[in-house]
C-alpha atoms as a PDB file:
ATOM      1  CA  MET A   1      76.597 -32.083 -27.048  1.00  0.00           C
ATOM      2  CA  LYS A   2      78.853 -33.791 -29.531  1.00  0.00           C
ATOM      3  CA  PRO A   3      77.847 -37.419 -30.203  1.00  0.00           C
ATOM      4  CA  PHE A   4      79.964 -40.127 -28.652  1.00  0.00           C
ATOM      5  CA  THR A   5      80.707 -43.571 -30.024  1.00  0.00           C
ATOM      6  CA  THR A   6      81.482 -47.165 -29.205  1.00  0.00           C
ATOM      7  CA  ASP A   7      82.802 -49.830 -31.555  1.00  0.00           C
ATOM      8  CA  ARG A   8      79.381 -50.346 -33.136  1.00  0.00           C
ATOM      9  CA  LEU A   9      77.272 -47.396 -32.013  1.00  0.00           C
ATOM     10  CA  ILE A  10      76.775 -43.653 -32.152  1.00  0.00           C
ATOM     11  CA  LEU A  11      74.971 -42.045 -29.216  1.00  0.00           C
ATOM     12  CA  ARG A  12      73.564 -38.603 -29.948  1.00  0.00           C
ATOM     13  CA  GLU A  13      70.905 -36.259 -28.665  1.00  0.00           C
ATOM     14  CA  LEU A  14      67.333 -37.153 -29.540  1.00  0.00           C
ATOM     15  CA  SER A  15      65.538 -34.685 -31.817  1.00  0.00           C
ATOM     16  CA  VAL A  16      62.145 -34.218 -33.443  1.00  0.00           C
ATOM     17  CA  ASP A  17      63.674 -35.930 -36.494  1.00  0.00           C
ATOM     18  CA  ASP A  18      63.469 -39.140 -34.429  1.00  0.00           C
ATOM     19  CA  THR A  19      59.686 -38.842 -33.962  1.00  0.00           C
ATOM     20  CA  TYR A  20      58.717 -41.772 -36.182  1.00  0.00           C
ATOM     21  CA  TYR A  21      61.092 -44.245 -34.482  1.00  0.00           C
ATOM     22  CA  PHE A  22      60.484 -42.856 -31.001  1.00  0.00           C
ATOM     23  CA  HIS A  23      56.721 -43.326 -31.432  1.00  0.00           C
ATOM     24  CA  LEU A  24      57.121 -46.785 -32.949  1.00  0.00           C
ATOM     25  CA  LEU A  25      59.408 -47.884 -30.104  1.00  0.00           C
ATOM     26  CA  ASN A  26      56.838 -46.923 -27.471  1.00  0.00           C
ATOM     27  CA  GLU A  27      53.974 -48.564 -29.350  1.00  0.00           C
ATOM     28  CA  ASP A  28      55.301 -52.066 -28.738  1.00  0.00           C
ATOM     29  CA  PRO A  29      53.741 -53.427 -25.521  1.00  0.00           C
ATOM     30  CA  GLU A  30      56.663 -55.826 -24.996  1.00  0.00           C
ATOM     31  CA  VAL A  31      59.180 -52.984 -25.197  1.00  0.00           C
ATOM     32  CA  ILE A  32      57.405 -50.857 -22.573  1.00  0.00           C
ATOM     33  CA  GLN A  33      55.968 -53.633 -20.383  1.00  0.00           C
ATOM     34  CA  TYR A  34      58.499 -53.087 -17.584  1.00  0.00           C
ATOM     35  CA  THR A  35      58.880 -49.306 -17.859  1.00  0.00           C
ATOM     36  CA  GLY A  36      55.759 -47.933 -16.205  1.00  0.00           C
ATOM     37  CA  ASP A  37      55.227 -45.863 -19.373  1.00  0.00           C
ATOM     38  CA  VAL A  38      52.254 -45.902 -21.712  1.00  0.00           C
ATOM     39  CA  SER A  39      52.281 -45.584 -25.487  1.00  0.00           C
ATOM     40  CA  PHE A  40      52.079 -42.158 -27.027  1.00  0.00           C
ATOM     41  CA  LYS A  41      48.556 -41.319 -28.169  1.00  0.00           C
ATOM     42  CA  ASN A  42      49.870 -40.730 -31.703  1.00  0.00           C
ATOM     43  CA  THR A  43      52.932 -39.619 -33.660  1.00  0.00           C
ATOM     44  CA  GLU A  44      52.218 -35.975 -32.904  1.00  0.00           C
ATOM     45  CA  ALA A  45      52.324 -36.686 -29.156  1.00  0.00           C
ATOM     46  CA  ALA A  46      55.764 -38.277 -29.603  1.00  0.00           C
ATOM     47  CA  ARG A  47      56.905 -35.254 -31.629  1.00  0.00           C
ATOM     48  CA  GLN A  48      55.674 -32.883 -28.926  1.00  0.00           C
ATOM     49  CA  PHE A  49      57.495 -34.892 -26.264  1.00  0.00           C
ATOM     50  CA  LEU A  50      60.753 -34.697 -28.226  1.00  0.00           C
ATOM     51  CA  ALA A  51      60.265 -31.001 -29.019  1.00  0.00           C
ATOM     52  CA  GLY A  52      59.801 -30.273 -25.321  1.00  0.00           C
ATOM     53  CA  TYR A  53      62.573 -32.549 -24.065  1.00  0.00           C
ATOM     54  CA  ASP A  54      64.798 -30.080 -22.227  1.00  0.00           C
ATOM     55  CA  HIS A  55      67.223 -32.286 -20.271  1.00  0.00           C
ATOM     56  CA  TYR A  56      70.177 -31.408 -22.515  1.00  0.00           C
ATOM     57  CA  GLU A  57      69.703 -27.684 -21.911  1.00  0.00           C
ATOM     58  CA  LYS A  58      68.867 -28.009 -18.211  1.00  0.00           C
ATOM     59  CA  TYR A  59      71.330 -30.692 -17.141  1.00  0.00           C
ATOM     60  CA  GLY A  60      73.787 -31.153 -20.012  1.00  0.00           C
ATOM     61  CA  LEU A  61      72.796 -34.778 -20.502  1.00  0.00           C
ATOM     62  CA  GLY A  62      69.754 -36.962 -21.018  1.00  0.00           C
ATOM     63  CA  ARG A  63      68.546 -39.926 -22.992  1.00  0.00           C
ATOM     64  CA  TRP A  64      70.453 -40.361 -26.263  1.00  0.00           C
ATOM     65  CA  ALA A  65      69.440 -41.946 -29.559  1.00  0.00           C
ATOM     66  CA  VAL A  66      71.390 -45.141 -30.224  1.00  0.00           C
ATOM     67  CA  ILE A  67      72.376 -45.437 -33.873  1.00  0.00           C
ATOM     68  CA  ARG A  68      74.186 -48.411 -35.391  1.00  0.00           C
ATOM     69  CA  LYS A  69      77.298 -47.214 -37.246  1.00  0.00           C
ATOM     70  CA  LYS A  70      77.244 -49.697 -40.099  1.00  0.00           C
ATOM     71  CA  ASP A  71      73.829 -48.670 -41.466  1.00  0.00           C
ATOM     72  CA  ASN A  72      72.616 -45.702 -39.375  1.00  0.00           C
ATOM     73  CA  ALA A  73      69.725 -47.788 -38.013  1.00  0.00           C
ATOM     74  CA  PHE A  74      67.879 -46.248 -35.040  1.00  0.00           C
ATOM     75  CA  LEU A  75      68.089 -49.051 -32.458  1.00  0.00           C
ATOM     76  CA  GLY A  76      66.488 -47.260 -29.516  1.00  0.00           C
ATOM     77  CA  TRP A  77      67.719 -44.943 -26.800  1.00  0.00           C
ATOM     78  CA  CYS A  78      69.977 -45.057 -23.771  1.00  0.00           C
ATOM     79  CA  GLY A  79      71.179 -42.460 -21.357  1.00  0.00           C
ATOM     80  CA  LEU A  80      71.206 -40.711 -18.034  1.00  0.00           C
ATOM     81  CA  LYS A  81      68.220 -38.886 -16.594  1.00  0.00           C
ATOM     82  CA  TYR A  82      68.672 -36.403 -13.797  1.00  0.00           C
ATOM     83  CA  SER A  83      65.925 -36.323 -11.156  1.00  0.00           C
ATOM     84  CA  PRO A  84      66.221 -33.087  -9.174  1.00  0.00           C
ATOM     85  CA  ASP A  85      63.799 -34.303  -6.494  1.00  0.00           C
ATOM     86  CA  LYS A  86      66.165 -37.213  -5.731  1.00  0.00           C
ATOM     87  CA  ASN A  87      69.365 -35.411  -6.766  1.00  0.00           C
ATOM     88  CA  GLU A  88      70.514 -38.448  -8.724  1.00  0.00           C
ATOM     89  CA  HIS A  89      71.166 -39.657 -12.252  1.00  0.00           C
ATOM     90  CA  ASP A  90      69.423 -42.798 -13.466  1.00  0.00           C
ATOM     91  CA  ILE A  91      70.638 -45.027 -16.313  1.00  0.00           C
ATOM     92  CA  GLY A  92      67.892 -46.127 -18.677  1.00  0.00           C
ATOM     93  CA  PHE A  93      67.602 -47.820 -22.042  1.00  0.00           C
ATOM     94  CA  ARG A  94      64.962 -48.970 -24.491  1.00  0.00           C
ATOM     95  CA  PHE A  95      65.548 -50.848 -27.745  1.00  0.00           C
ATOM     96  CA  PHE A  96      63.438 -52.283 -30.543  1.00  0.00           C
ATOM     97  CA  LYS A  97      62.896 -56.036 -30.002  1.00  0.00           C
ATOM     98  CA  GLN A  98      64.802 -57.041 -33.130  1.00  0.00           C
ATOM     99  CA  TYR A  99      67.944 -55.643 -31.463  1.00  0.00           C
ATOM    100  CA  TRP A 100      67.549 -57.441 -28.141  1.00  0.00           C
ATOM    101  CA  ASN A 101      70.188 -60.003 -27.101  1.00  0.00           C
ATOM    102  CA  MET A 102      72.838 -58.523 -29.397  1.00  0.00           C
ATOM    103  CA  GLY A 103      74.782 -56.653 -26.733  1.00  0.00           C
ATOM    104  CA  TYR A 104      73.658 -53.195 -27.874  1.00  0.00           C
ATOM    105  CA  ALA A 105      72.034 -52.230 -24.564  1.00  0.00           C
ATOM    106  CA  THR A 106      75.116 -53.274 -22.612  1.00  0.00           C
ATOM    107  CA  GLU A 107      77.470 -51.492 -25.019  1.00  0.00           C
ATOM    108  CA  ALA A 108      75.441 -48.267 -24.995  1.00  0.00           C
ATOM    109  CA  ALA A 109      74.815 -48.291 -21.243  1.00  0.00           C
ATOM    110  CA  LYS A 110      78.482 -48.941 -20.487  1.00  0.00           C
ATOM    111  CA  LYS A 111      79.397 -45.901 -22.595  1.00  0.00           C
ATOM    112  CA  CYS A 112      76.775 -43.802 -20.787  1.00  0.00           C
ATOM    113  CA  ILE A 113      78.243 -44.779 -17.421  1.00  0.00           C
ATOM    114  CA  GLU A 114      81.722 -43.865 -18.677  1.00  0.00           C
ATOM    115  CA  VAL A 115      80.515 -40.481 -19.997  1.00  0.00           C
ATOM    116  CA  GLY A 116      78.592 -39.834 -16.773  1.00  0.00           C
ATOM    117  CA  PHE A 117      81.680 -40.337 -14.644  1.00  0.00           C
ATOM    118  CA  ASN A 118      84.414 -38.975 -16.903  1.00  0.00           C
ATOM    119  CA  THR A 119      82.671 -36.104 -18.707  1.00  0.00           C
ATOM    120  CA  PHE A 120      80.007 -35.055 -16.220  1.00  0.00           C
ATOM    121  CA  LYS A 121      81.960 -36.008 -13.068  1.00  0.00           C
ATOM    122  CA  LEU A 122      78.956 -37.703 -11.463  1.00  0.00           C
ATOM    123  CA  PRO A 123      79.698 -39.289  -8.068  1.00  0.00           C
ATOM    124  CA  PHE A 124      77.247 -42.160  -8.626  1.00  0.00           C
ATOM    125  CA  ILE A 125      74.575 -43.458 -11.002  1.00  0.00           C
ATOM    126  CA  VAL A 126      71.503 -45.520 -10.122  1.00  0.00           C
ATOM    127  CA  GLY A 127      69.334 -47.931 -12.046  1.00  0.00           C
ATOM    128  CA  ARG A 128      65.766 -48.899 -11.220  1.00  0.00           C
ATOM    129  CA  VAL A 129      64.231 -52.030 -12.619  1.00  0.00           C
ATOM    130  CA  MET A 130      61.165 -54.179 -12.098  1.00  0.00           C
ATOM    131  CA  LYS A 131      62.013 -57.566 -10.579  1.00  0.00           C
ATOM    132  CA  LYS A 132      60.410 -59.357 -13.546  1.00  0.00           C
ATOM    133  CA  ASN A 133      62.701 -57.567 -16.015  1.00  0.00           C
ATOM    134  CA  THR A 134      65.541 -60.083 -15.895  1.00  0.00           C
ATOM    135  CA  ALA A 135      67.119 -58.882 -19.156  1.00  0.00           C
ATOM    136  CA  SER A 136      67.580 -55.334 -17.850  1.00  0.00           C
ATOM    137  CA  ILE A 137      68.837 -56.640 -14.524  1.00  0.00           C
ATOM    138  CA  LYS A 138      71.551 -58.534 -16.418  1.00  0.00           C
ATOM    139  CA  VAL A 139      72.532 -55.370 -18.307  1.00  0.00           C
ATOM    140  CA  LEU A 140      72.806 -53.371 -15.078  1.00  0.00           C
ATOM    141  CA  GLU A 141      74.991 -56.072 -13.548  1.00  0.00           C
ATOM    142  CA  LYS A 142      77.181 -56.327 -16.674  1.00  0.00           C
ATOM    143  CA  ILE A 143      77.902 -52.594 -16.609  1.00  0.00           C
ATOM    144  CA  GLY A 144      78.947 -52.698 -12.965  1.00  0.00           C
ATOM    145  CA  LEU A 145      75.898 -51.655 -10.964  1.00  0.00           C
ATOM    146  CA  THR A 146      75.224 -53.550  -7.761  1.00  0.00           C
ATOM    147  CA  LEU A 147      71.935 -54.301  -6.080  1.00  0.00           C
ATOM    148  CA  ILE A 148      71.300 -51.892  -3.207  1.00  0.00           C
ATOM    149  CA  SER A 149      67.720 -52.590  -2.146  1.00  0.00           C
ATOM    150  CA  ASP A 150      64.201 -53.499  -3.088  1.00  0.00           C
ATOM    151  CA  TYR A 151      62.263 -50.647  -4.626  1.00  0.00           C
ATOM    152  CA  SER A 152      58.653 -49.871  -5.472  1.00  0.00           C
ATOM    153  CA  PHE A 153      58.826 -49.291  -9.229  1.00  0.00           C
ATOM    154  CA  GLU A 154      55.683 -47.552 -10.469  1.00  0.00           C
ATOM    155  CA  GLY A 155      53.635 -49.715  -8.082  1.00  0.00           C
ATOM    156  CA  HIS A 156      55.519 -52.909  -9.020  1.00  0.00           C
ATOM    157  CA  GLU A 157      58.171 -54.791  -7.097  1.00  0.00           C
ATOM    158  CA  GLY A 158      61.575 -53.663  -8.223  1.00  0.00           C
ATOM    159  CA  TYR A 159      65.224 -53.222  -7.396  1.00  0.00           C
ATOM    160  CA  LEU A 160      67.486 -50.239  -6.943  1.00  0.00           C
ATOM    161  CA  PHE A 161      70.998 -50.646  -8.330  1.00  0.00           C
ATOM    162  CA  LYS A 162      73.931 -48.265  -7.939  1.00  0.00           C
ATOM    163  CA  ILE A 163      77.478 -47.682  -9.124  1.00  0.00           C
ATOM    164  CA  LYS A 164      79.928 -45.183  -7.635  1.00  0.00           C
ATOM    165  CA  LYS A 165      82.579 -43.366  -9.597  1.00  0.00           C
ATOM    166  CA  ASP A 166      85.431 -44.953  -7.670  1.00  0.00           C
ATOM    167  CA  ILE A 167      84.378 -48.387  -9.015  1.00  0.00           C
ATOM    168  CA  LEU A 168      85.674 -47.600 -12.535  1.00  0.00           C
END
């Protein structure tokens, strides 16, 4: 898929060329503390994950690398993940700490919602978040998702948010 852009960002497919940053991002315990994920065992494990990531081929979309236009810095990732067992698309994002509180997550996630509705014609998009993750809750609210219910998030108390296409 052709990359898409915002004022400050380029969102493109992840590739094995992103292995170093992808591994480094998941090594930070603060970055993954509310995700339910664990760090990759090593750089090779991150490379293998990226090499086997087949969401683009299977579903046409997935998680996208977020690159800052002005210097091509890899800030993190953001995107839509399709879960066939739930028949739904979930918005997710993860950024290096030095880029937190700069509006990048909101900007990237807003673009992903727009692409999901306008390009992929999705009827709705959900977001799951642990209750303790107040920063991500704020992002979901800023991009138009509304709280639907409580949710068990990887064994932790969480929330389920949702936005329907007709909202935009």
